[in-house]
Amino acid sequence: GQYVAEGGMIMQLENYAQLWVEADLYPGEASLIKPGENVQVI
C-alpha cells in the first residue's frame, strides 16, 4: 500500500553461495601476502 517514486528502493537480495574472506594485517606485513597467493582459511 505504500507509494514509491521511480527508482525508489524496494528490497535487496544476497546470495550466500559465495562469500568473501577478509583479514586484517599491518602495513609492514602487506608485502608478505600478495594477490594471487593461496592462503589457508580455518
All heavy atoms as atom14 arrays in JSON, in Angstrom:
{
  "sequence": "GQYVAEGGMIMQLENYAQLWVEADLYPGEASLIKPGENVQVI",
  "atom14_mask": [
    [1, 1, 1, 1, 0, 0, 0, 0, 0, 0, 0, 0, 0, 0],
    [1, 1, 1, 1, 1, 1, 1, 1, 1, 0, 0, 0, 0, 0],
    [1, 1, 1, 1, 1, 1, 1, 1, 1, 1, 1, 1, 0, 0],
    [1, 1, 1, 1, 1, 1, 1, 0, 0, 0, 0, 0, 0, 0],
    [1, 1, 1, 1, 1, 0, 0, 0, 0, 0, 0, 0, 0, 0],
    [1, 1, 1, 1, 1, 1, 1, 1, 1, 0, 0, 0, 0, 0],
    [1, 1, 1, 1, 0, 0, 0, 0, 0, 0, 0, 0, 0, 0],
    [1, 1, 1, 1, 0, 0, 0, 0, 0, 0, 0, 0, 0, 0],
    [1, 1, 1, 1, 1, 1, 1, 1, 0, 0, 0, 0, 0, 0],
    [1, 1, 1, 1, 1, 1, 1, 1, 0, 0, 0, 0, 0, 0],
    [1, 1, 1, 1, 1, 1, 1, 1, 0, 0, 0, 0, 0, 0],
    [1, 1, 1, 1, 1, 1, 1, 1, 1, 0, 0, 0, 0, 0],
    [1, 1, 1, 1, 1, 1, 1, 1, 0, 0, 0, 0, 0, 0],
    [1, 1, 1, 1, 1, 1, 1, 1, 1, 0, 0, 0, 0, 0],
    [1, 1, 1, 1, 1, 1, 1, 1, 0, 0, 0, 0, 0, 0],
    [1, 1, 1, 1, 1, 1, 1, 1, 1, 1, 1, 1, 0, 0],
    [1, 1, 1, 1, 1, 0, 0, 0, 0, 0, 0, 0, 0, 0],
    [1, 1, 1, 1, 1, 1, 1, 1, 1, 0, 0, 0, 0, 0],
    [1, 1, 1, 1, 1, 1, 1, 1, 0, 0, 0, 0, 0, 0],
    [1, 1, 1, 1, 1, 1, 1, 1, 1, 1, 1, 1, 1, 1],
    [1, 1, 1, 1, 1, 1, 1, 0, 0, 0, 0, 0, 0, 0],
    [1, 1, 1, 1, 1, 1, 1, 1, 1, 0, 0, 0, 0, 0],
    [1, 1, 1, 1, 1, 0, 0, 0, 0, 0, 0, 0, 0, 0],
    [1, 1, 1, 1, 1, 1, 1, 1, 0, 0, 0, 0, 0, 0],
    [1, 1, 1, 1, 1, 1, 1, 1, 0, 0, 0, 0, 0, 0],
    [1, 1, 1, 1, 1, 1, 1, 1, 1, 1, 1, 1, 0, 0],
    [1, 1, 1, 1, 1, 1, 1, 0, 0, 0, 0, 0, 0, 0],
    [1, 1, 1, 1, 0, 0, 0, 0, 0, 0, 0, 0, 0, 0],
    [1, 1, 1, 1, 1, 1, 1, 1, 1, 0, 0, 0, 0, 0],
    [1, 1, 1, 1, 1, 0, 0, 0, 0, 0, 0, 0, 0, 0],
    [1, 1, 1, 1, 1, 1, 0, 0, 0, 0, 0, 0, 0, 0],
    [1, 1, 1, 1, 1, 1, 1, 1, 0, 0, 0, 0, 0, 0],
    [1, 1, 1, 1, 1, 1, 1, 1, 0, 0, 0, 0, 0, 0],
    [1, 1, 1, 1, 1, 1, 1, 1, 1, 0, 0, 0, 0, 0],
    [1, 1, 1, 1, 1, 1, 1, 0, 0, 0, 0, 0, 0, 0],
    [1, 1, 1, 1, 0, 0, 0, 0, 0, 0, 0, 0, 0, 0],
    [1, 1, 1, 1, 1, 1, 1, 1, 1, 0, 0, 0, 0, 0],
    [1, 1, 1, 1, 1, 1, 1, 1, 0, 0, 0, 0, 0, 0],
    [1, 1, 1, 1, 1, 1, 1, 0, 0, 0, 0, 0, 0, 0],
    [1, 1, 1, 1, 1, 1, 1, 1, 1, 0, 0, 0, 0, 0],
    [1, 1, 1, 1, 1, 1, 1, 0, 0, 0, 0, 0, 0, 0],
    [1, 1, 1, 1, 1, 1, 1, 1, 0, 0, 0, 0, 0, 0]
  ],
  "atom14_positions": [
    [[0.79, -1.22, 0.0], [0.0, 0.0, 0.0], [0.82, 1.26, 0.0], [0.27, 2.36, -0.1], [0.0, 0.0, 0.0], [0.0, 0.0, 0.0], [0.0, 0.0, 0.0], [0.0, 0.0, 0.0], [0.0, 0.0, 0.0], [0.0, 0.0, 0.0], [0.0, 0.0, 0.0], [0.0, 0.0, 0.0], [0.0, 0.0, 0.0], [0.0, 0.0, 0.0]],
    [[2.11, 1.15, 0.11], [2.99, 2.33, 0.16], [3.27, 2.84, -1.26], [3.38, 2.07, -2.2], [4.3, 1.96, 0.85], [5.29, 3.09, 0.97], [6.56, 2.65, 1.69], [6.57, 1.65, 2.39], [7.64, 3.4, 1.48], [0.0, 0.0, 0.0], [0.0, 0.0, 0.0], [0.0, 0.0, 0.0], [0.0, 0.0, 0.0], [0.0, 0.0, 0.0]],
    [[3.38, 4.17, -1.4], [3.73, 4.79, -2.67], [5.26, 4.88, -2.76], [5.92, 5.2, -1.76], [3.12, 6.18, -2.8], [1.67, 6.15, -3.22], [0.66, 6.01, -2.27], [1.32, 6.27, -4.56], [-0.67, 5.98, -2.64], [-0.02, 6.26, -4.94], [-1.02, 6.11, -3.98], [-2.33, 6.07, -4.36], [0.0, 0.0, 0.0], [0.0, 0.0, 0.0]],
    [[5.77, 4.61, -3.95], [7.21, 4.7, -4.18], [7.45, 5.57, -5.4], [6.62, 5.65, -6.31], [7.84, 3.3, -4.4], [7.77, 2.47, -3.13], [7.18, 2.59, -5.56], [0.0, 0.0, 0.0], [0.0, 0.0, 0.0], [0.0, 0.0, 0.0], [0.0, 0.0, 0.0], [0.0, 0.0, 0.0], [0.0, 0.0, 0.0], [0.0, 0.0, 0.0]],
    [[8.61, 6.23, -5.41], [8.99, 7.05, -6.56], [9.76, 6.2, -7.56], [10.22, 5.09, -7.24], [9.84, 8.23, -6.09], [0.0, 0.0, 0.0], [0.0, 0.0, 0.0], [0.0, 0.0, 0.0], [0.0, 0.0, 0.0], [0.0, 0.0, 0.0], [0.0, 0.0, 0.0], [0.0, 0.0, 0.0], [0.0, 0.0, 0.0], [0.0, 0.0, 0.0]],
    [[9.91, 6.7, -8.73], [10.69, 5.99, -9.73], [12.14, 5.89, -9.27], [12.76, 6.89, -8.91], [10.62, 6.72, -11.07], [11.37, 6.04, -12.19], [11.23, 6.76, -13.51], [10.41, 7.71, -13.59], [11.95, 6.39, -14.47], [0.0, 0.0, 0.0], [0.0, 0.0, 0.0], [0.0, 0.0, 0.0], [0.0, 0.0, 0.0], [0.0, 0.0, 0.0]],
    [[12.65, 4.67, -9.25], [14.0, 4.43, -8.74], [14.05, 4.22, -7.25], [15.13, 4.03, -6.69], [0.0, 0.0, 0.0], [0.0, 0.0, 0.0], [0.0, 0.0, 0.0], [0.0, 0.0, 0.0], [0.0, 0.0, 0.0], [0.0, 0.0, 0.0], [0.0, 0.0, 0.0], [0.0, 0.0, 0.0], [0.0, 0.0, 0.0], [0.0, 0.0, 0.0]],
    [[12.88, 4.25, -6.57], [12.86, 4.05, -5.13], [13.26, 2.62, -4.75], [12.97, 1.66, -5.45], [0.0, 0.0, 0.0], [0.0, 0.0, 0.0], [0.0, 0.0, 0.0], [0.0, 0.0, 0.0], [0.0, 0.0, 0.0], [0.0, 0.0, 0.0], [0.0, 0.0, 0.0], [0.0, 0.0, 0.0], [0.0, 0.0, 0.0], [0.0, 0.0, 0.0]],
    [[13.93, 2.49, -3.6], [14.41, 1.2, -3.13], [13.25, 0.31, -2.72], [12.36, 0.73, -1.97], [15.36, 1.4, -1.94], [15.92, 0.14, -1.35], [17.13, -0.63, -2.42], [17.74, -1.91, -1.32], [0.0, 0.0, 0.0], [0.0, 0.0, 0.0], [0.0, 0.0, 0.0], [0.0, 0.0, 0.0], [0.0, 0.0, 0.0], [0.0, 0.0, 0.0]],
    [[13.25, -0.92, -3.21], [12.22, -1.9, -2.83], [12.8, -2.9, -1.84], [12.36, -3.01, -0.7], [11.65, -2.62, -4.07], [11.04, -1.6, -5.03], [10.61, -3.66, -3.65], [9.83, -0.89, -4.51], [0.0, 0.0, 0.0], [0.0, 0.0, 0.0], [0.0, 0.0, 0.0], [0.0, 0.0, 0.0], [0.0, 0.0, 0.0], [0.0, 0.0, 0.0]],
    [[13.8, -3.64, -2.27], [14.43, -4.65, -1.42], [15.81, -4.99, -1.98], [16.17, -4.57, -3.08], [13.57, -5.9, -1.3], [13.38, -6.65, -2.61], [12.3, -8.11, -2.44], [10.71, -7.32, -2.07], [0.0, 0.0, 0.0], [0.0, 0.0, 0.0], [0.0, 0.0, 0.0], [0.0, 0.0, 0.0], [0.0, 0.0, 0.0], [0.0, 0.0, 0.0]],
    [[16.54, -5.78, -1.17], [17.88, -6.22, -1.58], [18.01, -7.71, -1.35], [17.62, -8.23, -0.29], [18.95, -5.47, -0.78], [20.38, -5.86, -1.12], [21.4, -4.97, -0.44], [21.46, -3.77, -0.7], [22.2, -5.55, 0.44], [0.0, 0.0, 0.0], [0.0, 0.0, 0.0], [0.0, 0.0, 0.0], [0.0, 0.0, 0.0], [0.0, 0.0, 0.0]],
    [[18.55, -8.4, -2.32], [18.76, -9.85, -2.24], [20.26, -10.14, -2.14], [21.07, -9.53, -2.83], [18.19, -10.56, -3.48], [16.7, -10.33, -3.78], [16.3, -11.09, -5.03], [15.83, -10.75, -2.6], [0.0, 0.0, 0.0], [0.0, 0.0, 0.0], [0.0, 0.0, 0.0], [0.0, 0.0, 0.0], [0.0, 0.0, 0.0], [0.0, 0.0, 0.0]],
    [[20.61, -11.1, -1.27], [22.0, -11.51, -1.12], [22.11, -13.01, -1.34], [21.36, -13.78, -0.75], [22.53, -11.15, 0.28], [22.65, -9.65, 0.51], [23.12, -9.31, 1.9], [23.16, -10.24, 2.75], [23.48, -8.14, 2.16], [0.0, 0.0, 0.0], [0.0, 0.0, 0.0], [0.0, 0.0, 0.0], [0.0, 0.0, 0.0], [0.0, 0.0, 0.0]],
    [[23.05, -13.39, -2.17], [23.3, -14.8, -2.45], [24.53, -15.24, -1.68], [25.61, -14.67, -1.85], [23.5, -15.02, -3.95], [23.45, -16.48, -4.33], [23.72, -17.34, -3.51], [23.11, -16.76, -5.57], [0.0, 0.0, 0.0], [0.0, 0.0, 0.0], [0.0, 0.0, 0.0], [0.0, 0.0, 0.0], [0.0, 0.0, 0.0], [0.0, 0.0, 0.0]],
    [[24.38, -16.24, -0.82], [25.46, -16.69, 0.03], [26.18, -17.92, -0.51], [26.93, -18.57, 0.22], [24.93, -16.99, 1.44], [24.21, -15.82, 2.07], [23.04, -16.01, 2.8], [24.7, -14.52, 1.93], [22.38, -14.93, 3.38], [24.04, -13.45, 2.5], [22.88, -13.66, 3.23], [22.23, -12.59, 3.79], [0.0, 0.0, 0.0], [0.0, 0.0, 0.0]],
    [[25.97, -18.24, -1.78], [26.67, -19.38, -2.37], [28.16, -19.13, -2.45], [28.96, -20.06, -2.46], [26.1, -19.7, -3.75], [0.0, 0.0, 0.0], [0.0, 0.0, 0.0], [0.0, 0.0, 0.0], [0.0, 0.0, 0.0], [0.0, 0.0, 0.0], [0.0, 0.0, 0.0], [0.0, 0.0, 0.0], [0.0, 0.0, 0.0], [0.0, 0.0, 0.0]],
    [[28.56, -17.87, -2.48], [29.97, -17.48, -2.46], [30.13, -16.31, -1.52], [29.36, -15.35, -1.57], [30.46, -17.12, -3.87], [31.91, -16.65, -3.91], [32.4, -16.41, -5.32], [32.57, -17.35, -6.08], [32.62, -15.15, -5.67], [0.0, 0.0, 0.0], [0.0, 0.0, 0.0], [0.0, 0.0, 0.0], [0.0, 0.0, 0.0], [0.0, 0.0, 0.0]],
    [[31.14, -16.38, -0.63], [31.39, -15.34, 0.34], [32.8, -14.79, 0.16], [33.62, -15.37, -0.54], [31.21, -15.88, 1.76], [29.84, -16.44, 2.13], [29.88, -17.05, 3.53], [28.77, -15.35, 2.07], [0.0, 0.0, 0.0], [0.0, 0.0, 0.0], [0.0, 0.0, 0.0], [0.0, 0.0, 0.0], [0.0, 0.0, 0.0], [0.0, 0.0, 0.0]],
    [[33.03, -13.68, 0.83], [34.37, -13.11, 0.87], [35.0, -13.43, 2.22], [34.32, -13.45, 3.26], [34.32, -11.6, 0.71], [34.39, -11.15, -0.73], [34.5, -11.94, -1.84], [34.34, -9.8, -1.19], [34.53, -11.17, -2.97], [34.44, -9.85, -2.61], [34.24, -8.57, -0.58], [34.43, -8.72, -3.4], [34.24, -7.43, -1.36], [34.33, -7.5, -2.76]],
    [[36.3, -13.68, 2.21], [37.09, -13.8, 3.43], [37.96, -12.56, 3.52], [38.8, -12.31, 2.65], [37.96, -15.07, 3.43], [38.77, -15.15, 4.71], [37.1, -16.3, 3.27], [0.0, 0.0, 0.0], [0.0, 0.0, 0.0], [0.0, 0.0, 0.0], [0.0, 0.0, 0.0], [0.0, 0.0, 0.0], [0.0, 0.0, 0.0], [0.0, 0.0, 0.0]],
    [[37.75, -11.78, 4.57], [38.55, -10.57, 4.79], [39.44, -10.78, 6.01], [39.01, -11.35, 7.01], [37.66, -9.35, 5.01], [36.93, -8.87, 3.75], [36.17, -7.59, 3.99], [36.01, -7.21, 5.18], [35.72, -6.96, 3.02], [0.0, 0.0, 0.0], [0.0, 0.0, 0.0], [0.0, 0.0, 0.0], [0.0, 0.0, 0.0], [0.0, 0.0, 0.0]],
    [[40.68, -10.31, 5.92], [41.62, -10.41, 7.04], [42.35, -9.09, 7.19], [42.58, -8.36, 6.22], [42.62, -11.54, 6.8], [0.0, 0.0, 0.0], [0.0, 0.0, 0.0], [0.0, 0.0, 0.0], [0.0, 0.0, 0.0], [0.0, 0.0, 0.0], [0.0, 0.0, 0.0], [0.0, 0.0, 0.0], [0.0, 0.0, 0.0], [0.0, 0.0, 0.0]],
    [[42.71, -8.77, 8.45], [43.42, -7.52, 8.76], [44.9, -7.8, 8.94], [45.29, -8.81, 9.54], [42.86, -6.9, 10.05], [41.39, -6.54, 9.91], [40.98, -6.14, 8.82], [40.64, -6.69, 10.91], [0.0, 0.0, 0.0], [0.0, 0.0, 0.0], [0.0, 0.0, 0.0], [0.0, 0.0, 0.0], [0.0, 0.0, 0.0], [0.0, 0.0, 0.0]],
    [[45.73, -6.9, 8.47], [47.17, -7.0, 8.67], [47.76, -5.6, 8.74], [47.17, -4.64, 8.25], [47.84, -7.81, 7.58], [48.01, -7.19, 6.19], [49.03, -8.0, 5.41], [46.72, -7.16, 5.43], [0.0, 0.0, 0.0], [0.0, 0.0, 0.0], [0.0, 0.0, 0.0], [0.0, 0.0, 0.0], [0.0, 0.0, 0.0], [0.0, 0.0, 0.0]],
    [[48.94, -5.52, 9.37], [49.61, -4.24, 9.5], [50.29, -3.86, 8.17], [50.66, -4.74, 7.39], [50.64, -4.3, 10.62], [50.01, -4.41, 11.99], [49.97, -5.64, 12.65], [49.45, -3.3, 12.61], [49.39, -5.76, 13.9], [48.87, -3.41, 13.86], [48.83, -4.64, 14.49], [48.25, -4.76, 15.72], [0.0, 0.0, 0.0], [0.0, 0.0, 0.0]],
    [[50.48, -2.57, 7.93], [51.11, -2.16, 6.67], [52.48, -2.79, 6.44], [52.85, -3.08, 5.3], [51.21, -0.63, 6.81], [50.11, -0.26, 7.75], [50.02, -1.41, 8.72], [0.0, 0.0, 0.0], [0.0, 0.0, 0.0], [0.0, 0.0, 0.0], [0.0, 0.0, 0.0], [0.0, 0.0, 0.0], [0.0, 0.0, 0.0], [0.0, 0.0, 0.0]],
    [[53.23, -3.02, 7.51], [54.54, -3.64, 7.36], [54.49, -5.07, 6.89], [55.49, -5.63, 6.43], [0.0, 0.0, 0.0], [0.0, 0.0, 0.0], [0.0, 0.0, 0.0], [0.0, 0.0, 0.0], [0.0, 0.0, 0.0], [0.0, 0.0, 0.0], [0.0, 0.0, 0.0], [0.0, 0.0, 0.0], [0.0, 0.0, 0.0], [0.0, 0.0, 0.0]],
    [[53.32, -5.72, 7.02], [53.16, -7.1, 6.59], [52.51, -7.21, 5.21], [52.3, -8.31, 4.72], [52.31, -7.87, 7.6], [52.87, -7.9, 9.0], [51.91, -8.52, 10.01], [50.69, -8.45, 9.76], [52.38, -9.06, 11.01], [0.0, 0.0, 0.0], [0.0, 0.0, 0.0], [0.0, 0.0, 0.0], [0.0, 0.0, 0.0], [0.0, 0.0, 0.0]],
    [[52.2, -6.07, 4.61], [51.48, -6.09, 3.33], [52.27, -6.8, 2.25], [51.7, -7.46, 1.38], [51.13, -4.67, 2.9], [0.0, 0.0, 0.0], [0.0, 0.0, 0.0], [0.0, 0.0, 0.0], [0.0, 0.0, 0.0], [0.0, 0.0, 0.0], [0.0, 0.0, 0.0], [0.0, 0.0, 0.0], [0.0, 0.0, 0.0], [0.0, 0.0, 0.0]],
    [[53.6, -6.68, 2.29], [54.41, -7.31, 1.25], [54.5, -8.83, 1.42], [54.96, -9.52, 0.51], [55.82, -6.72, 1.26], [56.45, -6.95, 2.52], [0.0, 0.0, 0.0], [0.0, 0.0, 0.0], [0.0, 0.0, 0.0], [0.0, 0.0, 0.0], [0.0, 0.0, 0.0], [0.0, 0.0, 0.0], [0.0, 0.0, 0.0], [0.0, 0.0, 0.0]],
    [[54.05, -9.34, 2.57], [54.15, -10.77, 2.81], [53.02, -11.55, 2.15], [53.15, -12.75, 1.95], [54.15, -11.04, 4.33], [55.25, -10.32, 5.12], [55.13, -10.65, 6.59], [56.63, -10.68, 4.59], [0.0, 0.0, 0.0], [0.0, 0.0, 0.0], [0.0, 0.0, 0.0], [0.0, 0.0, 0.0], [0.0, 0.0, 0.0], [0.0, 0.0, 0.0]],
    [[51.91, -10.89, 1.86], [50.77, -11.55, 1.2], [50.43, -10.72, -0.03], [50.03, -9.57, 0.08], [49.55, -11.64, 2.14], [49.92, -12.4, 3.41], [48.39, -12.31, 1.44], [48.77, -12.54, 4.38], [0.0, 0.0, 0.0], [0.0, 0.0, 0.0], [0.0, 0.0, 0.0], [0.0, 0.0, 0.0], [0.0, 0.0, 0.0], [0.0, 0.0, 0.0]],
    [[50.58, -11.33, -1.17], [50.34, -10.63, -2.43], [49.15, -11.25, -3.15], [48.86, -12.44, -2.99], [51.59, -10.69, -3.3], [52.81, -10.04, -2.66], [54.01, -10.16, -3.57], [55.24, -9.52, -2.93], [56.45, -9.66, -3.78], [0.0, 0.0, 0.0], [0.0, 0.0, 0.0], [0.0, 0.0, 0.0], [0.0, 0.0, 0.0], [0.0, 0.0, 0.0]],
    [[48.45, -10.45, -3.97], [47.34, -11.0, -4.76], [47.82, -12.16, -5.63], [48.89, -12.12, -6.22], [46.88, -9.8, -5.6], [47.29, -8.61, -4.79], [48.57, -8.99, -4.12], [0.0, 0.0, 0.0], [0.0, 0.0, 0.0], [0.0, 0.0, 0.0], [0.0, 0.0, 0.0], [0.0, 0.0, 0.0], [0.0, 0.0, 0.0], [0.0, 0.0, 0.0]],
    [[47.01, -13.19, -5.68], [47.36, -14.38, -6.43], [47.9, -15.51, -5.58], [47.96, -16.66, -6.03], [0.0, 0.0, 0.0], [0.0, 0.0, 0.0], [0.0, 0.0, 0.0], [0.0, 0.0, 0.0], [0.0, 0.0, 0.0], [0.0, 0.0, 0.0], [0.0, 0.0, 0.0], [0.0, 0.0, 0.0], [0.0, 0.0, 0.0], [0.0, 0.0, 0.0]],
    [[48.33, -15.2, -4.33], [48.85, -16.24, -3.46], [47.7, -16.98, -2.76], [46.65, -16.39, -2.48], [49.79, -15.64, -2.41], [51.06, -15.05, -2.99], [51.98, -14.54, -1.92], [51.59, -14.59, -0.74], [53.09, -14.09, -2.25], [0.0, 0.0, 0.0], [0.0, 0.0, 0.0], [0.0, 0.0, 0.0], [0.0, 0.0, 0.0], [0.0, 0.0, 0.0]],
    [[47.92, -18.25, -2.46], [46.94, -19.06, -1.77], [47.2, -19.02, -0.27], [48.35, -19.07, 0.18], [46.97, -20.51, -2.26], [46.43, -20.65, -3.67], [45.54, -19.92, -4.07], [46.96, -21.59, -4.43], [0.0, 0.0, 0.0], [0.0, 0.0, 0.0], [0.0, 0.0, 0.0], [0.0, 0.0, 0.0], [0.0, 0.0, 0.0], [0.0, 0.0, 0.0]],
    [[46.12, -18.93, 0.5], [46.2, -18.98, 1.95], [45.26, -20.07, 2.44], [44.36, -20.51, 1.73], [45.83, -17.63, 2.59], [46.8, -16.55, 2.18], [44.4, -17.22, 2.23], [0.0, 0.0, 0.0], [0.0, 0.0, 0.0], [0.0, 0.0, 0.0], [0.0, 0.0, 0.0], [0.0, 0.0, 0.0], [0.0, 0.0, 0.0], [0.0, 0.0, 0.0]],
    [[45.49, -20.47, 3.67], [44.62, -21.47, 4.3], [43.64, -20.77, 5.24], [44.04, -19.94, 6.05], [45.45, -22.49, 5.07], [44.67, -23.69, 5.58], [45.55, -24.67, 6.32], [46.17, -24.33, 7.32], [45.6, -25.9, 5.84], [0.0, 0.0, 0.0], [0.0, 0.0, 0.0], [0.0, 0.0, 0.0], [0.0, 0.0, 0.0], [0.0, 0.0, 0.0]],
    [[42.37, -21.11, 5.11], [41.32, -20.49, 5.92], [40.69, -21.58, 6.79], [40.24, -22.61, 6.28], [40.25, -19.82, 5.05], [39.13, -19.26, 5.91], [40.87, -18.71, 4.22], [0.0, 0.0, 0.0], [0.0, 0.0, 0.0], [0.0, 0.0, 0.0], [0.0, 0.0, 0.0], [0.0, 0.0, 0.0], [0.0, 0.0, 0.0], [0.0, 0.0, 0.0]],
    [[40.7, -21.33, 8.1], [40.09, -22.25, 9.06], [38.95, -21.52, 9.74], [39.14, -20.45, 10.34], [41.12, -22.74, 10.09], [42.26, -23.49, 9.39], [40.46, -23.62, 11.13], [43.35, -23.94, 10.32], [0.0, 0.0, 0.0], [0.0, 0.0, 0.0], [0.0, 0.0, 0.0], [0.0, 0.0, 0.0], [0.0, 0.0, 0.0], [0.0, 0.0, 0.0]]
  ]
}
